[in-house]
């Protein structure tokens, strides 16, 4: 995108800390550190980016890269229809790092996903925002790999995401 509007307080800040919840998303599979930056775009401007959500998430992180990304997973939010219709899952964990791609890769692994197959995570790594392999450093703090079984039905997710893209073409295009 040629430009992304951001709040003036972020544009003028010396340090940006992102605090997101650990949750699944029916559209992007996970909604954690990287997608949290998309939330900083003013609502009226945000709607036009939804057809290109993965790219918009990457661009938001290029424009507003956090110095520290924290994901609160004390009570995660998981499920195939997340986040709107997900369910609370106590995991008792917090994930933090200075690399939002590594943080999201760690979150993906916790949900049992391969980070490479999460569009915005892969594209953010390609844009050199961070590394999908950096999660290995974050995970050294864990005695064992925490896992959340989100009961994520990929077929249901595909149908939902396809329907959303189809209707967006008609309503926004």
N, C-alpha and C. Protein backbone atom coordinates (compact mmCIF):
# COMPACT_ATOMS: atom_id res chain seq x y z
N UNK A 1 0.85 -1.18 0.00
CA UNK A 1 0.00 0.00 0.00
C UNK A 1 0.89 1.23 0.00
N UNK A 2 0.43 2.29 -0.61
CA UNK A 2 1.24 3.50 -0.69
C UNK A 2 1.40 4.16 0.67
N UNK A 3 0.35 4.13 1.46
CA UNK A 3 0.45 4.72 2.80
C UNK A 3 -0.58 4.08 3.72
N UNK A 4 -0.21 4.07 4.98
CA UNK A 4 -1.11 3.57 6.03
C UNK A 4 -1.19 4.65 7.09
N UNK A 5 -2.41 5.05 7.42
CA UNK A 5 -2.59 6.04 8.48
C UNK A 5 -2.30 5.39 9.83
N UNK A 6 -1.60 6.13 10.67
CA UNK A 6 -1.35 5.64 12.03
C UNK A 6 -1.63 6.77 13.00
N UNK A 7 -1.98 6.42 14.22
CA UNK A 7 -2.23 7.46 15.23
C UNK A 7 -0.98 8.32 15.45
N UNK A 8 -1.20 9.60 15.65
CA UNK A 8 -0.09 10.54 15.85
C UNK A 8 0.76 10.16 17.06
N UNK A 9 0.13 9.63 18.10
CA UNK A 9 0.90 9.24 19.29
C UNK A 9 1.92 8.15 18.96
N UNK A 10 1.58 7.25 18.06
CA UNK A 10 2.53 6.22 17.64
C UNK A 10 3.62 6.83 16.77
N UNK A 11 3.22 7.69 15.85
CA UNK A 11 4.20 8.33 14.96
C UNK A 11 5.24 9.13 15.74
N UNK A 12 4.84 9.73 16.86
CA UNK A 12 5.76 10.56 17.65
C UNK A 12 6.48 9.80 18.75
N UNK A 13 6.13 8.55 18.98
CA UNK A 13 6.69 7.83 20.12
C UNK A 13 8.13 7.37 19.88
N UNK A 14 8.87 7.25 20.98
CA UNK A 14 10.24 6.74 20.93
C UNK A 14 10.28 5.24 21.11
N UNK A 15 9.24 4.69 21.71
CA UNK A 15 9.20 3.26 22.00
C UNK A 15 7.76 2.77 21.87
N UNK A 16 7.59 1.67 21.16
CA UNK A 16 6.26 1.11 20.95
C UNK A 16 6.23 -0.31 21.51
N UNK A 17 5.34 -0.54 22.44
CA UNK A 17 5.15 -1.87 23.02
C UNK A 17 3.76 -2.35 22.62
N UNK A 18 3.72 -3.53 22.04
CA UNK A 18 2.46 -4.12 21.60
C UNK A 18 2.03 -5.18 22.61
N UNK A 19 0.79 -5.11 23.07
CA UNK A 19 0.25 -6.11 23.99
C UNK A 19 -1.00 -6.71 23.35
N UNK A 20 -0.92 -7.97 22.99
CA UNK A 20 -2.02 -8.67 22.31
C UNK A 20 -2.44 -9.88 23.13
N UNK A 21 -3.61 -10.41 22.82
CA UNK A 21 -4.09 -11.66 23.43
C UNK A 21 -3.70 -12.83 22.53
N UNK A 22 -3.51 -13.99 23.12
CA UNK A 22 -3.26 -15.22 22.38
C UNK A 22 -4.61 -15.76 21.93
N UNK A 23 -4.87 -15.70 20.60
CA UNK A 23 -6.17 -16.15 20.12
C UNK A 23 -6.10 -16.64 18.69
N UNK A 24 -7.04 -17.50 18.36
CA UNK A 24 -7.17 -17.97 16.98
C UNK A 24 -8.10 -17.02 16.23
N UNK A 25 -8.04 -17.12 14.90
CA UNK A 25 -8.89 -16.30 14.04
C UNK A 25 -9.38 -17.16 12.89
N UNK A 26 -10.65 -17.08 12.58
CA UNK A 26 -11.19 -17.86 11.47
C UNK A 26 -10.68 -17.36 10.13
N UNK A 27 -10.16 -16.15 10.07
CA UNK A 27 -9.67 -15.60 8.81
C UNK A 27 -8.16 -15.74 8.69
N UNK A 28 -7.41 -15.41 9.74
CA UNK A 28 -5.95 -15.40 9.67
C UNK A 28 -5.29 -16.53 10.48
N UNK A 29 -6.04 -17.44 10.99
CA UNK A 29 -5.61 -18.57 11.85
C UNK A 29 -5.20 -18.13 13.24
N UNK A 30 -4.31 -17.13 13.36
CA UNK A 30 -3.98 -16.58 14.68
C UNK A 30 -4.09 -15.06 14.61
N UNK A 31 -4.37 -14.48 15.75
CA UNK A 31 -4.42 -13.03 15.87
C UNK A 31 -3.62 -12.68 17.11
N UNK A 32 -2.34 -12.36 16.90
CA UNK A 32 -1.44 -12.13 18.04
C UNK A 32 -0.65 -10.85 17.81
N UNK A 33 0.67 -10.89 17.91
CA UNK A 33 1.50 -9.69 17.88
C UNK A 33 1.41 -8.94 16.55
N UNK A 34 1.61 -9.62 15.44
CA UNK A 34 1.61 -8.94 14.14
C UNK A 34 0.25 -8.32 13.83
N UNK A 35 -0.81 -9.08 14.02
CA UNK A 35 -2.15 -8.57 13.70
C UNK A 35 -2.57 -7.44 14.65
N UNK A 36 -1.99 -7.40 15.83
CA UNK A 36 -2.29 -6.34 16.78
C UNK A 36 -1.95 -4.96 16.20
N UNK A 37 -0.90 -4.88 15.40
CA UNK A 37 -0.53 -3.60 14.79
C UNK A 37 -1.58 -3.14 13.79
N UNK A 38 -2.23 -4.09 13.12
CA UNK A 38 -3.32 -3.75 12.21
C UNK A 38 -4.44 -3.04 12.97
N UNK A 39 -4.60 -3.38 14.23
CA UNK A 39 -5.61 -2.74 15.07
C UNK A 39 -5.35 -1.27 15.33
N UNK A 40 -4.13 -0.80 15.06
CA UNK A 40 -3.79 0.62 15.27
C UNK A 40 -4.28 1.51 14.13
N UNK A 41 -4.64 0.90 13.01
CA UNK A 41 -5.13 1.68 11.87
C UNK A 41 -6.54 2.16 12.21
N UNK A 42 -6.82 3.46 12.00
CA UNK A 42 -8.17 3.97 12.30
C UNK A 42 -9.25 3.16 11.59
N UNK A 43 -10.34 2.89 12.28
CA UNK A 43 -11.39 1.99 11.79
C UNK A 43 -11.89 2.35 10.39
N UNK A 44 -12.17 3.61 10.15
CA UNK A 44 -12.72 4.02 8.85
C UNK A 44 -11.76 3.72 7.71
N UNK A 45 -10.47 3.74 7.99
CA UNK A 45 -9.45 3.45 6.97
C UNK A 45 -9.21 1.95 6.84
N UNK A 46 -9.43 1.22 7.92
CA UNK A 46 -9.10 -0.21 8.00
C UNK A 46 -9.95 -1.06 7.06
N UNK A 47 -11.19 -0.71 6.86
CA UNK A 47 -12.12 -1.54 6.10
C UNK A 47 -11.62 -1.80 4.68
N UNK A 48 -10.93 -0.85 4.08
CA UNK A 48 -10.47 -1.03 2.70
C UNK A 48 -9.32 -2.02 2.58
N UNK A 49 -8.67 -2.34 3.70
CA UNK A 49 -7.54 -3.25 3.68
C UNK A 49 -7.94 -4.71 3.87
N UNK A 50 -9.18 -4.98 4.26
CA UNK A 50 -9.56 -6.35 4.62
C UNK A 50 -9.46 -7.34 3.47
N UNK A 51 -9.59 -6.90 2.24
CA UNK A 51 -9.44 -7.81 1.10
C UNK A 51 -8.01 -8.29 0.96
N UNK A 52 -7.08 -7.53 1.50
CA UNK A 52 -5.65 -7.84 1.41
C UNK A 52 -5.08 -7.89 2.83
N UNK A 53 -5.73 -8.63 3.70
CA UNK A 53 -5.43 -8.57 5.12
C UNK A 53 -3.99 -8.95 5.44
N UNK A 54 -3.48 -10.03 4.87
CA UNK A 54 -2.10 -10.43 5.16
C UNK A 54 -1.11 -9.32 4.81
N UNK A 55 -1.29 -8.73 3.63
CA UNK A 55 -0.40 -7.66 3.19
C UNK A 55 -0.55 -6.42 4.07
N UNK A 56 -1.78 -6.11 4.46
CA UNK A 56 -2.03 -4.95 5.32
C UNK A 56 -1.40 -5.14 6.69
N UNK A 57 -1.44 -6.35 7.22
CA UNK A 57 -0.81 -6.64 8.52
C UNK A 57 0.69 -6.42 8.41
N UNK A 58 1.29 -6.90 7.33
CA UNK A 58 2.73 -6.71 7.12
C UNK A 58 3.05 -5.22 7.00
N UNK A 59 2.29 -4.50 6.19
CA UNK A 59 2.55 -3.06 6.01
C UNK A 59 2.37 -2.29 7.32
N UNK A 60 1.38 -2.66 8.11
CA UNK A 60 1.19 -2.00 9.41
C UNK A 60 2.41 -2.22 10.30
N UNK A 61 3.00 -3.40 10.24
CA UNK A 61 4.19 -3.69 11.04
C UNK A 61 5.43 -3.01 10.49
N UNK A 62 5.50 -2.82 9.19
CA UNK A 62 6.61 -2.05 8.61
C UNK A 62 6.52 -0.59 9.03
N UNK A 63 5.30 -0.06 9.08
CA UNK A 63 5.10 1.34 9.45
C UNK A 63 5.19 1.56 10.96
N UNK A 64 4.76 0.58 11.74
CA UNK A 64 4.68 0.73 13.20
C UNK A 64 5.29 -0.49 13.88
N UNK A 65 6.55 -0.77 13.61
CA UNK A 65 7.17 -1.98 14.19
C UNK A 65 7.39 -1.78 15.68
N UNK A 66 6.81 -2.67 16.48
CA UNK A 66 6.98 -2.54 17.93
C UNK A 66 8.40 -2.89 18.37
N UNK A 67 8.86 -2.23 19.42
CA UNK A 67 10.15 -2.54 20.02
C UNK A 67 10.05 -3.80 20.87
N UNK A 68 8.87 -4.02 21.42
CA UNK A 68 8.62 -5.21 22.24
C UNK A 68 7.19 -5.68 21.97
N UNK A 69 7.06 -6.97 21.71
CA UNK A 69 5.73 -7.56 21.50
C UNK A 69 5.46 -8.54 22.63
N UNK A 70 4.34 -8.34 23.31
CA UNK A 70 3.93 -9.21 24.40
C UNK A 70 2.58 -9.81 24.03
N UNK A 71 2.47 -11.12 24.18
CA UNK A 71 1.19 -11.79 23.93
C UNK A 71 0.74 -12.44 25.24
N UNK A 72 -0.43 -12.01 25.70
CA UNK A 72 -1.01 -12.52 26.94
C UNK A 72 -1.80 -13.78 26.64
N UNK A 73 -1.25 -14.90 27.10
CA UNK A 73 -1.93 -16.17 26.91
C UNK A 73 -2.37 -16.78 28.22
N UNK A 74 -2.45 -15.97 29.26
CA UNK A 74 -2.87 -16.51 30.56
C UNK A 74 -4.20 -17.24 30.37
N UNK A 75 -5.12 -16.57 29.70
CA UNK A 75 -6.33 -17.24 29.22
C UNK A 75 -6.39 -16.96 27.72
N UNK A 76 -6.09 -17.99 26.93
CA UNK A 76 -6.12 -17.85 25.47
C UNK A 76 -7.57 -17.91 25.00
N UNK A 77 -7.76 -17.58 23.74
CA UNK A 77 -9.07 -17.63 23.13
C UNK A 77 -8.92 -18.50 21.89
N UNK A 78 -9.57 -19.65 21.86
CA UNK A 78 -9.34 -20.60 20.78
C UNK A 78 -10.64 -21.14 20.22
N UNK A 79 -10.55 -21.64 19.00
CA UNK A 79 -11.69 -22.27 18.35
C UNK A 79 -11.74 -21.93 16.89
N UNK A 80 -12.40 -22.78 16.11
CA UNK A 80 -12.46 -22.63 14.66
C UNK A 80 -13.15 -21.34 14.23
N UNK A 81 -14.02 -20.80 15.05
CA UNK A 81 -14.75 -19.58 14.68
C UNK A 81 -14.26 -18.38 15.49
N UNK A 82 -13.01 -18.46 15.96
CA UNK A 82 -12.44 -17.36 16.74
C UNK A 82 -12.15 -16.16 15.86
N UNK A 83 -12.00 -14.99 16.44
CA UNK A 83 -12.14 -14.77 17.86
C UNK A 83 -13.58 -14.54 18.32
N UNK A 84 -14.48 -14.22 17.41
CA UNK A 84 -15.84 -13.87 17.83
C UNK A 84 -16.55 -15.00 18.57
N UNK A 85 -16.39 -16.22 18.10
CA UNK A 85 -17.10 -17.34 18.71
C UNK A 85 -16.16 -18.40 19.27
N UNK A 86 -14.97 -17.98 19.66
CA UNK A 86 -14.03 -18.90 20.29
C UNK A 86 -14.41 -19.15 21.73
N UNK A 87 -13.55 -19.87 22.42
CA UNK A 87 -13.80 -20.16 23.83
C UNK A 87 -12.54 -19.90 24.64
N UNK A 88 -12.69 -19.51 25.89
CA UNK A 88 -11.52 -19.27 26.73
C UNK A 88 -10.82 -20.58 27.09
N UNK A 89 -9.48 -20.56 27.00
CA UNK A 89 -8.67 -21.73 27.33
C UNK A 89 -7.55 -21.28 28.26
N UNK A 90 -7.56 -21.69 29.52
CA UNK A 90 -6.47 -21.31 30.42
C UNK A 90 -5.16 -21.97 30.00
N UNK A 91 -4.14 -21.17 29.69
CA UNK A 91 -2.83 -21.72 29.33
C UNK A 91 -1.75 -21.25 30.30
N UNK A 92 -2.01 -20.17 31.01
CA UNK A 92 -1.09 -19.66 32.04
C UNK A 92 0.28 -19.30 31.47
N UNK A 93 0.32 -18.74 30.25
CA UNK A 93 1.61 -18.35 29.67
C UNK A 93 1.57 -16.93 29.14
N UNK A 94 2.74 -16.33 29.06
CA UNK A 94 2.94 -15.03 28.40
C UNK A 94 4.11 -15.25 27.44
N UNK A 95 4.03 -14.66 26.26
CA UNK A 95 5.10 -14.76 25.28
C UNK A 95 5.54 -13.34 24.98
N UNK A 96 6.85 -13.10 24.96
CA UNK A 96 7.35 -11.75 24.69
C UNK A 96 8.67 -11.84 23.93
N UNK A 97 8.92 -10.81 23.13
CA UNK A 97 10.18 -10.73 22.40
C UNK A 97 10.25 -9.45 21.61
N UNK A 98 11.45 -9.16 21.11
CA UNK A 98 11.62 -7.96 20.30
C UNK A 98 11.42 -8.25 18.81
N UNK A 99 11.06 -9.48 18.47
CA UNK A 99 10.82 -9.89 17.10
C UNK A 99 9.36 -10.38 17.00
N UNK A 100 8.46 -9.56 16.43
CA UNK A 100 7.05 -9.95 16.39
C UNK A 100 6.79 -11.20 15.53
N UNK A 101 7.63 -11.45 14.54
CA UNK A 101 7.47 -12.66 13.73
C UNK A 101 7.80 -13.89 14.56
N UNK A 102 8.87 -13.81 15.34
CA UNK A 102 9.24 -14.92 16.22
C UNK A 102 8.17 -15.15 17.28
N UNK A 103 7.64 -14.06 17.83
CA UNK A 103 6.58 -14.18 18.84
C UNK A 103 5.36 -14.87 18.23
N UNK A 104 4.93 -14.43 17.04
CA UNK A 104 3.77 -15.06 16.41
C UNK A 104 4.06 -16.50 15.98
N UNK A 105 5.29 -16.78 15.59
CA UNK A 105 5.66 -18.16 15.25
C UNK A 105 5.53 -19.05 16.47
N UNK A 106 5.94 -18.54 17.61
CA UNK A 106 5.80 -19.26 18.88
C UNK A 106 4.32 -19.48 19.19
N UNK A 107 3.51 -18.45 19.02
CA UNK A 107 2.07 -18.57 19.26
C UNK A 107 1.45 -19.62 18.33
N UNK A 108 1.86 -19.60 17.07
CA UNK A 108 1.35 -20.58 16.10
C UNK A 108 1.69 -22.00 16.56
N UNK A 109 2.91 -22.21 17.00
CA UNK A 109 3.34 -23.53 17.48
C UNK A 109 2.52 -23.97 18.69
N UNK A 110 2.22 -23.04 19.57
CA UNK A 110 1.41 -23.36 20.75
C UNK A 110 0.04 -23.89 20.33
N UNK A 111 -0.53 -23.30 19.27
CA UNK A 111 -1.83 -23.76 18.77
C UNK A 111 -1.70 -25.00 17.88
N UNK A 112 -0.47 -25.43 17.61
CA UNK A 112 -0.26 -26.61 16.78
C UNK A 112 -0.17 -26.31 15.30
N UNK A 113 0.00 -25.03 14.93
CA UNK A 113 0.11 -24.64 13.53
C UNK A 113 1.57 -24.51 13.12
N UNK A 114 1.85 -24.75 11.85
CA UNK A 114 3.16 -24.46 11.29
C UNK A 114 3.13 -22.98 10.89
N UNK A 115 4.03 -22.14 11.43
CA UNK A 115 3.98 -20.71 11.13
C UNK A 115 4.10 -20.40 9.64
N UNK A 116 4.75 -21.27 8.88
CA UNK A 116 4.92 -21.04 7.44
C UNK A 116 3.56 -20.98 6.73
N UNK A 117 2.58 -21.69 7.25
CA UNK A 117 1.27 -21.73 6.61
C UNK A 117 0.31 -20.67 7.14
N UNK A 118 0.83 -19.69 7.84
CA UNK A 118 0.03 -18.55 8.28
C UNK A 118 0.52 -17.36 7.44
N UNK A 119 -0.33 -16.92 6.51
CA UNK A 119 0.06 -15.95 5.50
C UNK A 119 0.80 -14.73 6.02
N UNK A 120 0.23 -14.04 7.00
CA UNK A 120 0.86 -12.80 7.44
C UNK A 120 2.18 -13.05 8.17
N UNK A 121 2.34 -14.20 8.80
CA UNK A 121 3.61 -14.52 9.47
C UNK A 121 4.69 -14.77 8.42
N UNK A 122 4.36 -15.60 7.42
CA UNK A 122 5.32 -15.89 6.35
C UNK A 122 5.70 -14.62 5.58
N UNK A 123 4.71 -13.79 5.26
CA UNK A 123 4.99 -12.57 4.50
C UNK A 123 5.77 -11.56 5.33
N UNK A 124 5.53 -11.52 6.63
CA UNK A 124 6.30 -10.61 7.50
C UNK A 124 7.76 -11.06 7.57
N UNK A 125 7.99 -12.36 7.60
CA UNK A 125 9.37 -12.87 7.59
C UNK A 125 10.04 -12.52 6.26
N UNK A 126 9.31 -12.67 5.17
CA UNK A 126 9.85 -12.33 3.84
C UNK A 126 10.18 -10.84 3.74
N UNK A 127 9.38 -10.00 4.42
CA UNK A 127 9.62 -8.55 4.42
C UNK A 127 10.71 -8.16 5.43
N UNK A 128 11.32 -9.15 6.07
CA UNK A 128 12.42 -8.96 7.02
C UNK A 128 12.01 -8.20 8.29
N UNK A 129 10.75 -8.36 8.68
CA UNK A 129 10.30 -7.80 9.96
C UNK A 129 10.86 -8.64 11.09
N UNK A 130 11.06 -9.91 10.83
CA UNK A 130 11.62 -10.82 11.83
C UNK A 130 11.81 -12.20 11.24
N UNK A 131 12.04 -13.17 12.11
CA UNK A 131 12.34 -14.53 11.68
C UNK A 131 11.32 -15.53 12.21
N UNK A 132 10.89 -16.41 11.32
CA UNK A 132 9.99 -17.48 11.76
C UNK A 132 10.72 -18.51 12.60
N UNK A 133 12.04 -18.51 12.58
CA UNK A 133 12.81 -19.47 13.36
C UNK A 133 13.24 -18.91 14.71
N UNK A 134 13.02 -17.63 14.92
CA UNK A 134 13.38 -17.01 16.19
C UNK A 134 12.59 -17.53 17.37
N UNK A 135 11.46 -18.19 17.10
CA UNK A 135 10.64 -18.71 18.20
C UNK A 135 11.41 -19.73 19.01
N UNK A 136 12.41 -20.37 18.41
CA UNK A 136 13.20 -21.36 19.13
C UNK A 136 13.89 -20.73 20.34
N UNK A 137 14.31 -19.47 20.20
CA UNK A 137 14.93 -18.75 21.31
C UNK A 137 13.90 -18.48 22.40
N UNK A 138 12.72 -18.05 22.00
CA UNK A 138 11.65 -17.77 22.96
C UNK A 138 11.29 -19.04 23.73
N UNK A 139 11.23 -20.16 23.03
CA UNK A 139 10.79 -21.41 23.65
C UNK A 139 11.79 -21.99 24.64
N UNK A 140 13.02 -21.48 24.65
CA UNK A 140 14.00 -21.99 25.61
C UNK A 140 13.55 -21.74 27.05
N UNK A 141 12.68 -20.77 27.26
CA UNK A 141 12.19 -20.49 28.60
C UNK A 141 11.16 -21.49 29.09
N UNK A 142 10.63 -22.32 28.19
CA UNK A 142 9.61 -23.30 28.57
C UNK A 142 10.26 -24.63 28.95
N UNK A 143 9.77 -25.25 30.01
CA UNK A 143 10.21 -26.60 30.38
C UNK A 143 9.76 -27.59 29.31
N UNK A 144 8.54 -27.39 28.83
CA UNK A 144 8.00 -28.21 27.75
C UNK A 144 7.14 -27.29 26.88
N UNK A 145 6.94 -27.69 25.67
CA UNK A 145 6.16 -26.88 24.74
C UNK A 145 4.70 -26.89 25.15
N UNK A 146 4.16 -25.70 25.55
CA UNK A 146 2.73 -25.66 25.88
C UNK A 146 1.90 -25.85 24.62
N UNK A 147 0.81 -26.55 24.71
CA UNK A 147 -0.06 -26.78 23.56
C UNK A 147 -1.49 -26.45 23.93
N UNK A 148 -2.18 -25.84 23.00
CA UNK A 148 -3.60 -25.58 23.13
C UNK A 148 -4.26 -26.32 21.98
N UNK A 149 -5.26 -27.11 22.27
CA UNK A 149 -5.98 -27.78 21.20
C UNK A 149 -7.17 -26.91 20.82
N UNK A 150 -7.01 -26.11 19.76
CA UNK A 150 -8.10 -25.19 19.41
C UNK A 150 -9.24 -25.85 18.67
N UNK A 151 -9.14 -27.17 18.42
CA UNK A 151 -10.16 -27.87 17.64
C UNK A 151 -10.45 -27.08 16.37
N UNK A 152 -9.40 -26.72 15.70
CA UNK A 152 -9.47 -25.84 14.54
C UNK A 152 -9.81 -26.64 13.31
N UNK A 153 -11.00 -26.50 12.80
CA UNK A 153 -11.46 -27.23 11.63
C UNK A 153 -11.06 -26.45 10.38
N UNK A 154 -10.05 -26.95 9.67
CA UNK A 154 -9.52 -26.22 8.52
C UNK A 154 -10.54 -26.07 7.40
N UNK A 155 -11.35 -27.09 7.16
CA UNK A 155 -12.36 -26.99 6.11
C UNK A 155 -13.35 -25.88 6.44
N UNK A 156 -13.80 -25.85 7.67
CA UNK A 156 -14.74 -24.80 8.10
C UNK A 156 -14.08 -23.44 7.94
N UNK A 157 -12.80 -23.32 8.31
CA UNK A 157 -12.08 -22.06 8.18
C UNK A 157 -11.98 -21.66 6.72
N UNK A 158 -11.68 -22.60 5.84
CA UNK A 158 -11.55 -22.30 4.42
C UNK A 158 -12.87 -21.79 3.86
N UNK A 159 -13.96 -22.45 4.21
CA UNK A 159 -15.28 -22.05 3.71
C UNK A 159 -15.62 -20.65 4.22
N UNK A 160 -15.38 -20.38 5.49
CA UNK A 160 -15.66 -19.06 6.07
C UNK A 160 -14.83 -17.98 5.38
N UNK A 161 -13.52 -18.22 5.24
CA UNK A 161 -12.64 -17.22 4.63
C UNK A 161 -13.01 -16.98 3.18
N UNK A 162 -13.35 -18.04 2.45
CA UNK A 162 -13.74 -17.91 1.05
C UNK A 162 -15.03 -17.10 0.94
N UNK A 163 -15.99 -17.36 1.80
CA UNK A 163 -17.26 -16.62 1.79
C UNK A 163 -17.01 -15.14 2.08
N UNK A 164 -16.14 -14.85 3.03
CA UNK A 164 -15.83 -13.46 3.36
C UNK A 164 -15.21 -12.76 2.16
N UNK A 165 -14.24 -13.41 1.49
CA UNK A 165 -13.60 -12.81 0.31
C UNK A 165 -14.62 -12.58 -0.79
N UNK A 166 -15.52 -13.55 -1.01
CA UNK A 166 -16.53 -13.43 -2.05
C UNK A 166 -17.44 -12.23 -1.79
N UNK A 167 -17.94 -12.11 -0.56
CA UNK A 167 -18.86 -11.02 -0.25
C UNK A 167 -18.15 -9.68 -0.24
N UNK A 168 -16.88 -9.63 0.13
CA UNK A 168 -16.14 -8.37 0.13
C UNK A 168 -16.00 -7.84 -1.29
N UNK A 169 -15.81 -8.73 -2.25
CA UNK A 169 -15.69 -8.30 -3.64
C UNK A 169 -16.95 -7.56 -4.07
N UNK A 170 -18.11 -8.10 -3.66
CA UNK A 170 -19.38 -7.48 -4.03
C UNK A 170 -19.66 -6.20 -3.27
N UNK A 171 -19.26 -6.14 -2.00
CA UNK A 171 -19.63 -4.99 -1.18
C UNK A 171 -18.59 -3.88 -1.18
N UNK A 172 -17.31 -4.24 -1.37
CA UNK A 172 -16.26 -3.23 -1.28
C UNK A 172 -15.59 -2.93 -2.61
N UNK A 173 -15.72 -3.85 -3.56
CA UNK A 173 -14.91 -3.82 -4.76
C UNK A 173 -15.31 -2.85 -5.77
